[in-house]
Amino acid sequence: MRGMEQAKCRNCDSALTGEYCGACGQRKGRADLRLSEALGEVFDEVFSWDSRLWRTLFALMFRPGLLTAEFVAGRRARYVPPFRLYLIISFLTFLTLSVGASIDAFNTDLDSESQSSPMIIIDSGPGEQSAEGEGEIKIGIADDDSPQWLQDLEGRIETNATRLEGDSGSFFAQLLDYLPQLMFLMLPLFALIIQIFYLFSGYYYLQHLVFGLNFHSFVYLLYLLGQAAALFTEALDGFFLFALALYLPLSLRRVYGSSIAGAVAKSVAIGLLYGILLVAGFAFMSMLTLALM
């Protein structure tokens, strides 16, 4: 009597030795699957992913550094991948920022119907007046000896800045549109700072980048929770700031094995360096926004 014929994958025709194909990864399943069974599989996939998401969010919020430590150890299937997690949380964060900015702009427009907008001057020379009599904004990134392209760029920025003096809403709206790209570009710099401070940790740059992704995901998620809590009370503002200050040293201690004093000292230094880079990045983005308007 011949043995039973071995099942084959319906996708790539490879021999199956389990529930999933070892060649292409497709689930074995059945060709005669009924509607109720198909729906059951869909719900199983959805709730399975949901359980992984909630497990990931819990670890992100209440176990600083665990997601990175698990990634380094190779235990990754039970959690949402760090890059995907960052994309999900950052999307919700910047969407919330955009909606909040739109509401603030609408309220400002209503208030400004009977009030004049305040004039914001970056650098105004004494007695300098534009043709219309308004203060002329001076940026100061070029002089008479600078290349012509830099002088033209400064002129364009100053013209746009002067034009937007009484209506800064469009400037901030466009600036907010560039914010997600800026923060995404800041991630490699944050990872580089971590690598410098833990140069002899034995970790590669990718692992430092995963640390940066998880840390930024926490910061964004904390902001979202803070905004939600602010709808009911402002008493928790101090708690969120304390959680933010505590999170980085606890993460460094778990992932890199730093002592308590070392983790605190390095977190302060990392925060200062990254803060300087953020300020420089925002300044550059502001100039670029004015130049492109």
Protein backbone atom coordinates (compact mmCIF):
# COMPACT_ATOMS: atom_id res chain seq x y z
CA MET A 1 0.00 0.00 0.00
CA ARG A 2 1.43 3.37 -0.99
CA GLY A 3 1.90 6.00 1.68
CA MET A 4 -0.22 9.07 1.69
CA GLU A 5 0.89 11.75 -0.77
CA GLN A 6 2.64 14.64 0.97
CA ALA A 7 0.73 17.90 0.97
CA LYS A 8 2.08 20.72 -1.16
CA CYS A 9 1.88 24.47 -0.94
CA ARG A 10 -0.79 25.88 -3.22
CA ASN A 11 1.31 29.00 -3.81
CA CYS A 12 4.74 27.60 -4.77
CA ASP A 13 4.10 23.83 -4.93
CA SER A 14 6.77 23.07 -2.31
CA ALA A 15 6.32 20.15 0.09
CA LEU A 16 4.62 21.12 3.34
CA THR A 17 5.94 19.91 6.67
CA GLY A 18 3.79 22.07 8.91
CA GLU A 19 1.09 24.73 9.02
CA TYR A 20 3.20 27.20 7.00
CA CYS A 21 5.26 26.69 3.85
CA GLY A 22 8.98 26.68 4.50
CA ALA A 23 9.69 28.17 1.05
CA CYS A 24 7.24 31.09 0.70
CA GLY A 25 5.66 31.32 4.15
CA GLN A 26 2.03 30.97 3.03
CA ARG A 27 -0.29 29.29 5.47
CA LYS A 28 -1.44 25.78 4.51
CA GLY A 29 -5.19 26.39 4.85
CA ARG A 30 -7.75 24.53 2.75
CA ALA A 31 -8.98 25.00 -0.78
CA ASP A 32 -12.61 24.34 0.26
CA LEU A 33 -12.66 26.89 3.04
CA ARG A 34 -16.18 28.01 3.95
CA LEU A 35 -17.22 31.59 4.52
CA SER A 36 -17.58 31.16 8.28
CA GLU A 37 -14.12 29.58 8.49
CA ALA A 38 -12.60 32.32 6.33
CA LEU A 39 -14.11 34.99 8.56
CA GLY A 40 -12.75 33.14 11.58
CA GLU A 41 -9.26 33.26 10.13
CA VAL A 42 -9.62 37.00 9.45
CA PHE A 43 -10.70 37.70 13.04
CA ASP A 44 -7.88 35.49 14.31
CA GLU A 45 -5.33 37.52 12.35
CA VAL A 46 -6.82 40.84 13.49
CA PHE A 47 -6.98 39.99 17.18
CA SER A 48 -3.60 38.30 17.06
CA TRP A 49 -2.11 41.55 15.71
CA ASP A 50 -4.05 43.56 18.26
CA SER A 51 -2.67 41.49 21.11
CA ARG A 52 0.84 42.09 19.79
CA LEU A 53 0.14 45.81 19.54
CA TRP A 54 -1.14 46.08 23.12
CA ARG A 55 1.79 43.99 24.36
CA THR A 56 4.14 46.35 22.55
CA LEU A 57 2.47 49.51 23.85
CA PHE A 58 2.51 48.21 27.42
CA ALA A 59 6.22 47.41 27.19
CA LEU A 60 6.91 50.78 25.56
CA MET A 61 5.15 52.74 28.29
CA PHE A 62 5.93 50.83 31.47
CA ARG A 63 9.15 48.88 30.79
CA PRO A 64 11.69 51.40 29.45
CA GLY A 65 14.23 49.86 27.08
CA LEU A 66 12.60 46.43 26.99
CA LEU A 67 11.60 46.58 23.33
CA THR A 68 15.17 47.39 22.29
CA ALA A 69 16.62 44.71 24.58
CA GLU A 70 14.21 42.15 23.15
CA PHE A 71 15.09 43.20 19.61
CA VAL A 72 18.80 42.82 20.30
CA ALA A 73 18.17 39.41 21.87
CA GLY A 74 16.28 38.30 18.77
CA ARG A 75 12.87 37.99 20.44
CA ARG A 76 10.92 40.04 17.90
CA ALA A 77 7.87 38.07 16.75
CA ARG A 78 5.79 38.96 19.83
CA TYR A 79 6.13 42.73 19.30
CA VAL A 80 5.28 45.23 16.58
CA PRO A 81 8.48 46.00 14.62
CA PRO A 82 10.12 49.25 15.84
CA PHE A 83 9.92 51.07 12.51
CA ARG A 84 6.25 50.20 12.03
CA LEU A 85 5.51 51.23 15.62
CA TYR A 86 7.22 54.57 15.02
CA LEU A 87 5.21 55.18 11.85
CA ILE A 88 1.90 54.43 13.58
CA ILE A 89 2.51 56.58 16.65
CA SER A 90 4.20 59.45 14.78
CA PHE A 91 1.33 59.59 12.29
CA LEU A 92 -1.18 59.95 15.12
CA THR A 93 1.03 62.53 16.84
CA PHE A 94 1.49 64.81 13.85
CA LEU A 95 -2.17 64.41 12.92
CA THR A 96 -3.08 65.60 16.42
CA LEU A 97 -0.64 68.52 16.09
CA SER A 98 -2.14 69.48 12.73
CA VAL A 99 -5.72 69.35 14.00
CA GLY A 100 -4.78 71.34 17.10
CA ALA A 101 -2.99 73.96 15.00
CA SER A 102 -6.02 74.28 12.72
CA ILE A 103 -8.31 74.83 15.70
CA ASP A 104 -5.93 77.42 17.18
CA ALA A 105 -5.68 79.22 13.84
CA PHE A 106 -9.48 79.31 13.56
CA ASN A 107 -9.82 80.75 17.07
CA THR A 108 -7.07 83.28 16.34
CA ASP A 109 -8.86 84.42 13.19
CA LEU A 110 -12.04 84.98 15.18
CA ASP A 111 -10.18 86.99 17.84
CA SER A 112 -8.27 89.04 15.28
CA GLU A 113 -11.43 90.37 13.63
CA SER A 114 -11.53 93.15 16.20
CA GLN A 115 -7.84 93.24 17.14
CA SER A 116 -4.68 93.89 15.14
CA SER A 117 -2.07 91.13 15.01
CA PRO A 118 1.17 91.78 16.90
CA MET A 119 4.23 92.56 14.76
CA ILE A 120 7.13 90.10 15.08
CA ILE A 121 10.55 91.55 14.20
CA ILE A 122 13.58 89.27 13.83
CA ASP A 123 16.20 92.00 13.39
CA SER A 124 15.09 95.51 12.56
CA GLY A 125 17.60 98.28 12.09
CA PRO A 126 16.99 101.58 13.84
CA GLY A 127 14.70 103.78 11.85
CA GLU A 128 14.44 101.34 8.93
CA GLN A 129 11.05 101.42 7.30
CA SER A 130 9.67 99.66 4.27
CA ALA A 131 7.90 101.48 1.48
CA GLU A 132 4.61 100.90 3.23
CA GLY A 133 5.96 102.24 6.52
CA GLU A 134 6.24 98.87 8.24
CA GLY A 135 9.37 97.55 9.96
CA GLU A 136 11.68 95.76 7.53
CA ILE A 137 12.80 92.34 8.79
CA LYS A 138 16.53 91.65 8.56
CA ILE A 139 17.73 88.03 8.72
CA GLY A 140 21.48 88.61 8.64
CA ILE A 141 22.73 85.45 6.91
CA ALA A 142 24.60 87.35 4.18
CA ASP A 143 26.58 90.58 3.68
CA ASP A 144 28.02 92.52 0.76
CA ASP A 145 30.93 90.08 0.43
CA SER A 146 28.71 86.97 0.38
CA PRO A 147 28.02 85.07 -2.87
CA GLN A 148 25.21 86.47 -4.93
CA TRP A 149 23.05 83.35 -4.49
CA LEU A 150 23.24 83.76 -0.70
CA GLN A 151 22.30 87.43 -0.92
CA ASP A 152 19.35 86.54 -3.17
CA LEU A 153 18.27 83.85 -0.72
CA GLU A 154 18.41 86.31 2.17
CA GLY A 155 16.36 88.81 0.20
CA ARG A 156 13.71 86.20 -0.55
CA ILE A 157 13.52 85.12 3.09
CA GLU A 158 13.28 88.73 4.32
CA THR A 159 10.57 89.54 1.78
CA ASN A 160 8.47 86.54 2.75
CA ALA A 161 9.02 87.17 6.47
CA THR A 162 7.88 90.79 6.08
CA ARG A 163 4.88 89.73 4.04
CA LEU A 164 3.85 87.24 6.74
CA GLU A 165 4.27 89.64 9.68
CA GLY A 166 0.57 90.18 10.12
CA ASP A 167 -0.46 86.68 9.03
CA SER A 168 1.89 84.08 10.47
CA GLY A 169 -0.72 81.31 10.34
CA SER A 170 0.22 80.15 6.85
CA PHE A 171 3.90 80.07 7.80
CA PHE A 172 3.31 77.91 10.86
CA ALA A 173 0.94 75.66 8.91
CA GLN A 174 3.60 74.98 6.29
CA LEU A 175 6.26 74.63 8.98
CA LEU A 176 4.12 71.98 10.63
CA ASP A 177 3.85 70.12 7.34
CA TYR A 178 7.64 69.72 7.30
CA LEU A 179 7.88 68.67 10.95
CA PRO A 180 7.44 64.90 10.39
CA GLN A 181 10.23 64.90 7.80
CA LEU A 182 12.51 66.86 10.11
CA MET A 183 11.95 64.53 13.05
CA PHE A 184 12.50 61.50 10.83
CA LEU A 185 15.82 62.98 9.68
CA MET A 186 16.78 63.64 13.30
CA LEU A 187 16.50 59.95 14.17
CA PRO A 188 19.87 58.93 12.64
CA LEU A 189 21.54 61.83 14.49
CA PHE A 190 20.04 60.68 17.78
CA ALA A 191 21.28 57.15 17.11
CA LEU A 192 24.74 58.56 16.31
CA ILE A 193 24.82 60.37 19.66
CA ILE A 194 23.91 57.14 21.43
CA GLN A 195 26.65 55.32 19.53
CA ILE A 196 29.24 57.92 20.56
CA PHE A 197 28.35 57.54 24.23
CA TYR A 198 28.33 53.75 23.98
CA LEU A 199 31.15 53.32 21.50
CA PHE A 200 32.51 50.23 23.24
CA SER A 201 29.18 48.62 24.06
CA GLY A 202 29.54 46.04 21.29
CA TYR A 203 26.29 47.18 19.68
CA TYR A 204 26.03 48.14 16.03
CA TYR A 205 24.54 51.36 14.67
CA LEU A 206 21.31 49.58 13.69
CA GLN A 207 20.71 48.59 17.31
CA HIS A 208 21.26 52.19 18.42
CA LEU A 209 18.81 53.26 15.72
CA VAL A 210 16.22 50.82 17.08
CA PHE A 211 16.78 52.39 20.51
CA GLY A 212 16.13 55.81 18.95
CA LEU A 213 12.96 54.63 17.22
CA ASN A 214 11.56 53.21 20.44
CA PHE A 215 12.52 56.27 22.48
CA HIS A 216 10.87 58.67 20.02
CA SER A 217 7.80 56.43 19.88
CA PHE A 218 7.53 56.74 23.65
CA VAL A 219 7.90 60.54 23.52
CA TYR A 220 5.17 60.81 20.89
CA LEU A 221 2.89 58.45 22.77
CA LEU A 222 3.44 60.40 25.98
CA TYR A 223 2.47 63.58 24.13
CA LEU A 224 -0.74 61.94 22.89
CA LEU A 225 -1.61 60.80 26.41
CA GLY A 226 -0.86 64.27 27.71
CA GLN A 227 -3.16 65.86 25.15
CA ALA A 228 -5.92 63.41 26.03
CA ALA A 229 -5.48 64.07 29.75
CA ALA A 230 -5.49 67.85 29.15
CA LEU A 231 -9.09 67.59 27.95
CA PHE A 232 -10.08 66.77 31.53
CA THR A 233 -7.37 68.18 33.80
CA GLU A 234 -3.99 69.90 33.76
CA ALA A 235 -2.94 68.38 37.08
CA LEU A 236 -1.04 65.58 35.32
CA ASP A 237 1.34 67.85 33.37
CA GLY A 238 4.04 67.51 36.00
CA PHE A 239 3.68 63.73 35.99
CA PHE A 240 4.22 63.52 32.23
CA LEU A 241 7.33 65.70 32.44
CA PHE A 242 8.69 63.53 35.24
CA ALA A 243 8.01 60.39 33.20
CA LEU A 244 9.85 61.89 30.24
CA ALA A 245 12.89 62.79 32.36
CA LEU A 246 12.97 59.34 33.93
CA TYR A 247 12.49 57.27 30.80
CA LEU A 248 15.82 57.81 29.05
CA PRO A 249 18.13 56.85 31.96
CA LEU A 250 15.99 53.80 32.73
CA SER A 251 16.18 52.76 29.07
CA LEU A 252 19.96 53.23 28.97
CA ARG A 253 20.33 51.20 32.12
CA ARG A 254 18.26 48.28 30.78
CA VAL A 255 19.69 48.19 27.25
CA TYR A 256 23.35 49.08 27.83
CA GLY A 257 23.79 47.98 31.42
CA SER A 258 24.82 51.43 32.67
CA SER A 259 25.04 52.15 36.37
CA ILE A 260 22.42 54.46 37.83
CA ALA A 261 24.83 57.40 38.01
CA GLY A 262 26.22 56.67 34.55
CA ALA A 263 22.76 56.39 33.00
CA VAL A 264 21.64 59.69 34.56
CA ALA A 265 24.83 61.53 33.53
CA LYS A 266 24.72 60.20 29.98
CA SER A 267 21.01 60.91 29.60
CA VAL A 268 21.61 64.56 30.58
CA ALA A 269 24.48 64.89 28.11
CA ILE A 270 22.52 63.13 25.36
CA GLY A 271 19.52 65.36 26.00
CA LEU A 272 21.63 68.54 25.80
CA LEU A 273 23.38 67.52 22.58
CA TYR A 274 20.17 66.39 20.95
CA GLY A 275 18.41 69.55 22.10
CA ILE A 276 21.06 71.68 20.36
CA LEU A 277 20.62 69.67 17.16
CA LEU A 278 16.84 70.03 17.38
CA VAL A 279 17.09 73.82 17.76
CA ALA A 280 19.47 73.99 14.79
CA GLY A 281 17.15 71.75 12.78
CA PHE A 282 14.10 73.87 13.55
CA ALA A 283 15.98 77.05 12.66
CA PHE A 284 17.09 75.58 9.33
CA MET A 285 13.58 74.33 8.61
CA SER A 286 12.13 77.78 9.40
CA MET A 287 14.54 79.45 6.97
CA LEU A 288 13.81 76.81 4.32
CA THR A 289 10.08 77.27 4.78
CA LEU A 290 10.37 81.03 4.33
CA ALA A 291 12.56 80.55 1.27
CA LEU A 292 10.09 78.17 -0.39
CA MET A 293 6.93 80.16 0.29
